[in-house]
């Protein structure tokens, strides 16, 4: 049986999705609070930057993949207006429920679909824009997921991948200390789950760096890919245009 990484652990391909689902089932109730604490609120600025770069227009069709609690979906809905359409998806039902409930509380109704990014249940060329924020690294077969994202985009459509990446050399030691010492401690204190946040730190280290992900996106069908480093490369926004 094929194997893959779950953080630093090697597991069977078939087991990874369920183990990732367990992590996010655990952290879903306090996911947004922990994002604010761990990033000092910066995750909101990174997502706002991604939305600004996306430049969604009224009437656009947008797919937010692994959209979790709905931050990007909400922002895109404001941009595309009543003539557009935003679809929120996530493989994790607990995360998607939090996002859907938040949107409903704000009076926003949009399709919310539990699905695997490697097998998107949408016709080809059905979206103008797709996004995945801090979700690609948890996918078992990233190449397959990127190919699916390309498939559902129209020619000239854009994919935005916002993800943790490889920081500048000067930041690596303090970032490692923060990731492996402070993050699990805060996860245990605030969310009651230090191990899930240890996995999240490990998953960041196993994720492809900026150049590797750019090459993967090109292979998947994106003819042009720009890379925007944020926070010294701790986070990177990849923007691909479908051939």
Protein backbone atom coordinates (compact mmCIF):
# COMPACT_ATOMS: atom_id res chain seq x y z
CA UNK A 1 0.00 0.00 0.00
CA UNK A 2 1.26 3.49 -0.85
CA UNK A 3 2.44 5.64 2.03
CA UNK A 4 2.51 9.35 2.78
CA UNK A 5 3.35 11.75 5.59
CA UNK A 6 1.16 12.68 8.54
CA UNK A 7 3.39 15.34 10.01
CA UNK A 8 6.70 13.55 10.59
CA UNK A 9 5.01 10.14 10.78
CA UNK A 10 4.77 7.83 7.77
CA UNK A 11 1.26 6.41 7.33
CA UNK A 12 -0.73 4.54 4.69
CA UNK A 13 -2.36 6.78 2.09
CA UNK A 14 -5.78 5.46 3.06
CA UNK A 15 -5.31 6.51 6.68
CA UNK A 16 -4.18 10.10 6.26
CA UNK A 17 -7.54 11.70 5.43
CA UNK A 18 -9.22 10.19 8.48
CA UNK A 19 -6.35 11.25 10.75
CA UNK A 20 -6.40 14.81 9.39
CA UNK A 21 -10.18 14.79 9.88
CA UNK A 22 -9.61 13.83 13.52
CA UNK A 23 -7.25 16.77 14.01
CA UNK A 24 -9.76 19.27 12.67
CA UNK A 25 -12.70 17.67 14.48
CA UNK A 26 -10.72 18.38 17.64
CA UNK A 27 -9.68 21.96 16.88
CA UNK A 28 -12.83 23.18 15.04
CA UNK A 29 -14.60 24.76 18.05
CA UNK A 30 -11.63 27.04 18.80
CA UNK A 31 -10.02 27.16 15.37
CA UNK A 32 -10.54 30.88 14.77
CA UNK A 33 -9.46 31.82 18.29
CA UNK A 34 -6.28 29.75 17.95
CA UNK A 35 -5.54 31.31 14.55
CA UNK A 36 -5.74 34.76 16.14
CA UNK A 37 -3.55 33.74 19.08
CA UNK A 38 -0.90 31.85 17.12
CA UNK A 39 -0.53 34.41 14.33
CA UNK A 40 -1.08 37.51 16.45
CA UNK A 41 -4.07 38.20 14.20
CA UNK A 42 -1.85 38.26 11.12
CA UNK A 43 -3.82 35.46 9.42
CA UNK A 44 -6.55 38.02 8.80
CA UNK A 45 -4.11 40.30 6.97
CA UNK A 46 -2.74 37.40 4.91
CA UNK A 47 -6.25 36.38 3.86
CA UNK A 48 -7.20 39.98 3.09
CA UNK A 49 -4.11 40.25 0.90
CA UNK A 50 -5.09 37.07 -0.97
CA UNK A 51 -8.60 38.43 -1.56
CA UNK A 52 -7.18 41.74 -2.80
CA UNK A 53 -4.81 39.97 -5.21
CA UNK A 54 -7.67 37.76 -6.44
CA UNK A 55 -9.58 40.88 -7.54
CA UNK A 56 -12.85 38.97 -7.87
CA UNK A 57 -15.43 40.88 -9.90
CA UNK A 58 -19.22 41.12 -9.63
CA UNK A 59 -20.73 38.04 -11.24
CA UNK A 60 -17.67 35.82 -10.77
CA UNK A 61 -18.05 32.16 -9.80
CA UNK A 62 -15.70 31.34 -6.90
CA UNK A 63 -14.80 28.01 -5.29
CA UNK A 64 -13.27 28.15 -1.81
CA UNK A 65 -11.61 24.78 -1.16
CA UNK A 66 -10.83 23.56 2.36
CA UNK A 67 -12.56 26.78 3.33
CA UNK A 68 -13.20 25.75 6.91
CA UNK A 69 -14.77 28.52 8.92
CA UNK A 70 -15.48 30.63 5.84
CA UNK A 71 -13.14 33.65 6.10
CA UNK A 72 -12.32 33.76 2.37
CA UNK A 73 -15.79 32.70 1.25
CA UNK A 74 -17.32 35.59 3.18
CA UNK A 75 -14.88 38.08 1.66
CA UNK A 76 -15.42 36.76 -1.86
CA UNK A 77 -19.20 36.90 -1.43
CA UNK A 78 -18.94 40.63 -0.80
CA UNK A 79 -16.87 41.04 -3.96
CA UNK A 80 -18.98 39.01 -6.39
CA UNK A 81 -22.32 40.36 -5.17
CA UNK A 82 -25.75 38.92 -5.86
CA UNK A 83 -24.91 38.24 -9.51
CA UNK A 84 -21.96 36.02 -8.53
CA UNK A 85 -21.71 32.70 -6.74
CA UNK A 86 -19.41 31.42 -4.01
CA UNK A 87 -19.24 27.75 -3.06
CA UNK A 88 -17.64 26.82 0.27
CA UNK A 89 -16.14 23.32 0.55
CA UNK A 90 -14.21 21.33 3.12
CA UNK A 91 -13.52 17.65 3.67
CA UNK A 92 -14.22 18.12 7.38
CA UNK A 93 -17.90 18.39 8.30
CA UNK A 94 -17.20 19.91 11.73
CA UNK A 95 -15.16 22.76 10.23
CA UNK A 96 -17.71 23.32 7.48
CA UNK A 97 -20.55 23.50 10.00
CA UNK A 98 -18.73 26.23 11.93
CA UNK A 99 -18.23 28.18 8.70
CA UNK A 100 -21.79 27.69 7.48
CA UNK A 101 -23.23 28.73 10.85
CA UNK A 102 -21.10 31.88 10.91
CA UNK A 103 -22.26 32.80 7.42
CA UNK A 104 -25.91 32.17 8.32
CA UNK A 105 -25.53 34.33 11.44
CA UNK A 106 -24.44 37.15 9.11
CA UNK A 107 -27.37 36.56 6.78
CA UNK A 108 -25.27 35.00 4.04
CA UNK A 109 -26.56 31.87 2.34
CA UNK A 110 -24.21 29.96 0.05
CA UNK A 111 -23.69 26.34 -0.97
CA UNK A 112 -21.53 24.48 1.57
CA UNK A 113 -20.30 21.10 0.34
CA UNK A 114 -18.42 18.38 2.21
CA UNK A 115 -16.01 16.99 -0.38
CA UNK A 116 -12.47 15.83 -1.02
CA UNK A 117 -10.35 18.32 -2.96
CA UNK A 118 -8.83 15.41 -4.86
CA UNK A 119 -12.29 14.54 -6.28
CA UNK A 120 -14.23 17.78 -6.63
CA UNK A 121 -17.92 17.18 -7.47
CA UNK A 122 -18.17 20.00 -10.01
CA UNK A 123 -18.15 20.09 -13.82
CA UNK A 124 -15.06 21.20 -15.66
CA UNK A 125 -14.55 24.92 -16.36
CA UNK A 126 -17.33 25.89 -13.95
CA UNK A 127 -15.47 28.53 -11.89
CA UNK A 128 -13.61 31.76 -12.60
CA UNK A 129 -11.58 31.65 -9.40
CA UNK A 130 -10.58 29.03 -6.83
CA UNK A 131 -8.83 29.44 -3.51
CA UNK A 132 -7.33 27.22 -0.84
CA UNK A 133 -6.00 28.83 2.33
CA UNK A 134 -3.92 26.80 4.75
CA UNK A 135 -5.43 23.56 3.50
CA UNK A 136 -3.23 22.21 0.70
CA UNK A 137 -0.58 20.88 3.07
CA UNK A 138 -3.13 18.54 4.68
CA UNK A 139 -4.09 16.90 1.37
CA UNK A 140 -2.74 13.41 0.74
CA UNK A 141 -2.09 13.72 -3.00
CA UNK A 142 -1.33 17.38 -3.61
CA UNK A 143 -0.66 16.88 -7.32
CA UNK A 144 -4.11 15.29 -7.78
CA UNK A 145 -5.77 18.09 -5.81
CA UNK A 146 -4.05 20.78 -7.90
CA UNK A 147 -5.08 19.00 -11.10
CA UNK A 148 -8.68 18.94 -9.90
CA UNK A 149 -8.53 22.65 -9.10
CA UNK A 150 -7.27 23.28 -12.64
CA UNK A 151 -10.03 21.08 -14.10
CA UNK A 152 -12.90 23.03 -12.52
CA UNK A 153 -11.48 26.42 -13.58
CA UNK A 154 -12.25 27.96 -16.95
CA UNK A 155 -9.28 28.74 -19.23
CA UNK A 156 -7.72 31.91 -17.86
CA UNK A 157 -9.24 31.23 -14.43
CA UNK A 158 -7.02 31.70 -11.39
CA UNK A 159 -6.09 29.57 -8.40
CA UNK A 160 -4.85 31.18 -5.19
CA UNK A 161 -2.96 28.97 -2.76
CA UNK A 162 -2.25 30.66 0.57
CA UNK A 163 -0.08 28.39 2.69
CA UNK A 164 2.72 28.25 5.19
CA UNK A 165 6.03 27.94 3.39
CA UNK A 166 9.81 28.13 3.86
CA UNK A 167 10.91 31.24 5.77
CA UNK A 168 14.07 33.24 5.20
CA UNK A 169 17.19 31.70 6.74
CA UNK A 170 17.37 34.24 9.57
CA UNK A 171 13.88 33.30 10.75
CA UNK A 172 14.19 29.52 10.75
CA UNK A 173 15.60 28.87 14.24
CA UNK A 174 13.22 31.20 16.11
CA UNK A 175 10.34 29.93 13.96
CA UNK A 176 11.22 26.32 14.82
CA UNK A 177 11.27 27.17 18.53
CA UNK A 178 7.92 28.89 18.24
CA UNK A 179 6.38 26.05 16.21
CA UNK A 180 7.53 23.09 18.28
CA UNK A 181 7.62 24.58 21.76
CA UNK A 182 5.08 27.38 21.99
CA UNK A 183 2.39 26.24 19.53
CA UNK A 184 1.70 22.86 21.20
CA UNK A 185 1.75 24.50 24.63
CA UNK A 186 -0.79 27.13 23.59
CA UNK A 187 -2.85 24.45 21.84
CA UNK A 188 -3.04 22.49 25.06
CA UNK A 189 -3.84 25.52 27.22
CA UNK A 190 -6.46 27.11 24.96
CA UNK A 191 -7.89 24.30 22.83
CA UNK A 192 -7.12 21.40 25.17
CA UNK A 193 -5.16 19.66 22.40
CA UNK A 194 -1.42 20.07 22.17
CA UNK A 195 -0.85 17.08 19.88
CA UNK A 196 -3.00 18.44 17.05
CA UNK A 197 -0.95 21.63 17.04
CA UNK A 198 2.26 19.62 17.06
CA UNK A 199 0.97 17.85 13.94
CA UNK A 200 0.14 21.20 12.33
CA UNK A 201 3.71 22.41 12.97
CA UNK A 202 5.12 19.20 11.48
CA UNK A 203 2.80 19.39 8.46
CA UNK A 204 4.18 22.84 7.65
CA UNK A 205 7.73 21.46 7.54
CA UNK A 206 6.68 18.62 5.21
CA UNK A 207 4.89 20.97 2.78
CA UNK A 208 6.66 21.83 -0.51
CA UNK A 209 8.63 25.08 -0.46
CA UNK A 210 7.83 28.02 -2.72
CA UNK A 211 9.76 26.86 -5.80
CA UNK A 212 8.55 23.26 -5.53
CA UNK A 213 4.90 24.26 -5.21
CA UNK A 214 5.24 26.63 -8.15
CA UNK A 215 6.57 23.77 -10.28
CA UNK A 216 3.74 21.48 -9.10
CA UNK A 217 1.15 24.08 -10.12
CA UNK A 218 2.70 24.41 -13.56
CA UNK A 219 2.61 20.64 -14.00
CA UNK A 220 -1.06 20.65 -12.95
CA UNK A 221 -2.01 23.00 -15.79
CA UNK A 222 -1.26 26.54 -14.63
CA UNK A 223 0.78 28.24 -17.33
CA UNK A 224 1.81 31.22 -15.23
CA UNK A 225 2.40 31.19 -11.46
CA UNK A 226 3.38 34.17 -9.32
CA UNK A 227 4.71 33.77 -5.77
CA UNK A 228 4.15 36.42 -3.10
CA UNK A 229 6.19 35.88 0.08
CA UNK A 230 4.55 37.20 3.24
CA UNK A 231 6.05 37.50 6.74
CA UNK A 232 9.54 36.71 5.48
CA UNK A 233 8.37 33.60 3.66
CA UNK A 234 6.62 32.06 6.66
CA UNK A 235 3.55 32.30 4.44
CA UNK A 236 3.42 32.38 0.64
CA UNK A 237 0.62 33.17 -1.77
CA UNK A 238 0.87 31.30 -5.07
CA UNK A 239 -1.32 32.66 -7.88
CA UNK A 240 -1.70 30.41 -10.91
CA UNK A 241 -3.47 31.15 -14.21
CA UNK A 242 -4.97 28.15 -15.99
CA UNK A 243 -3.71 27.57 -19.51
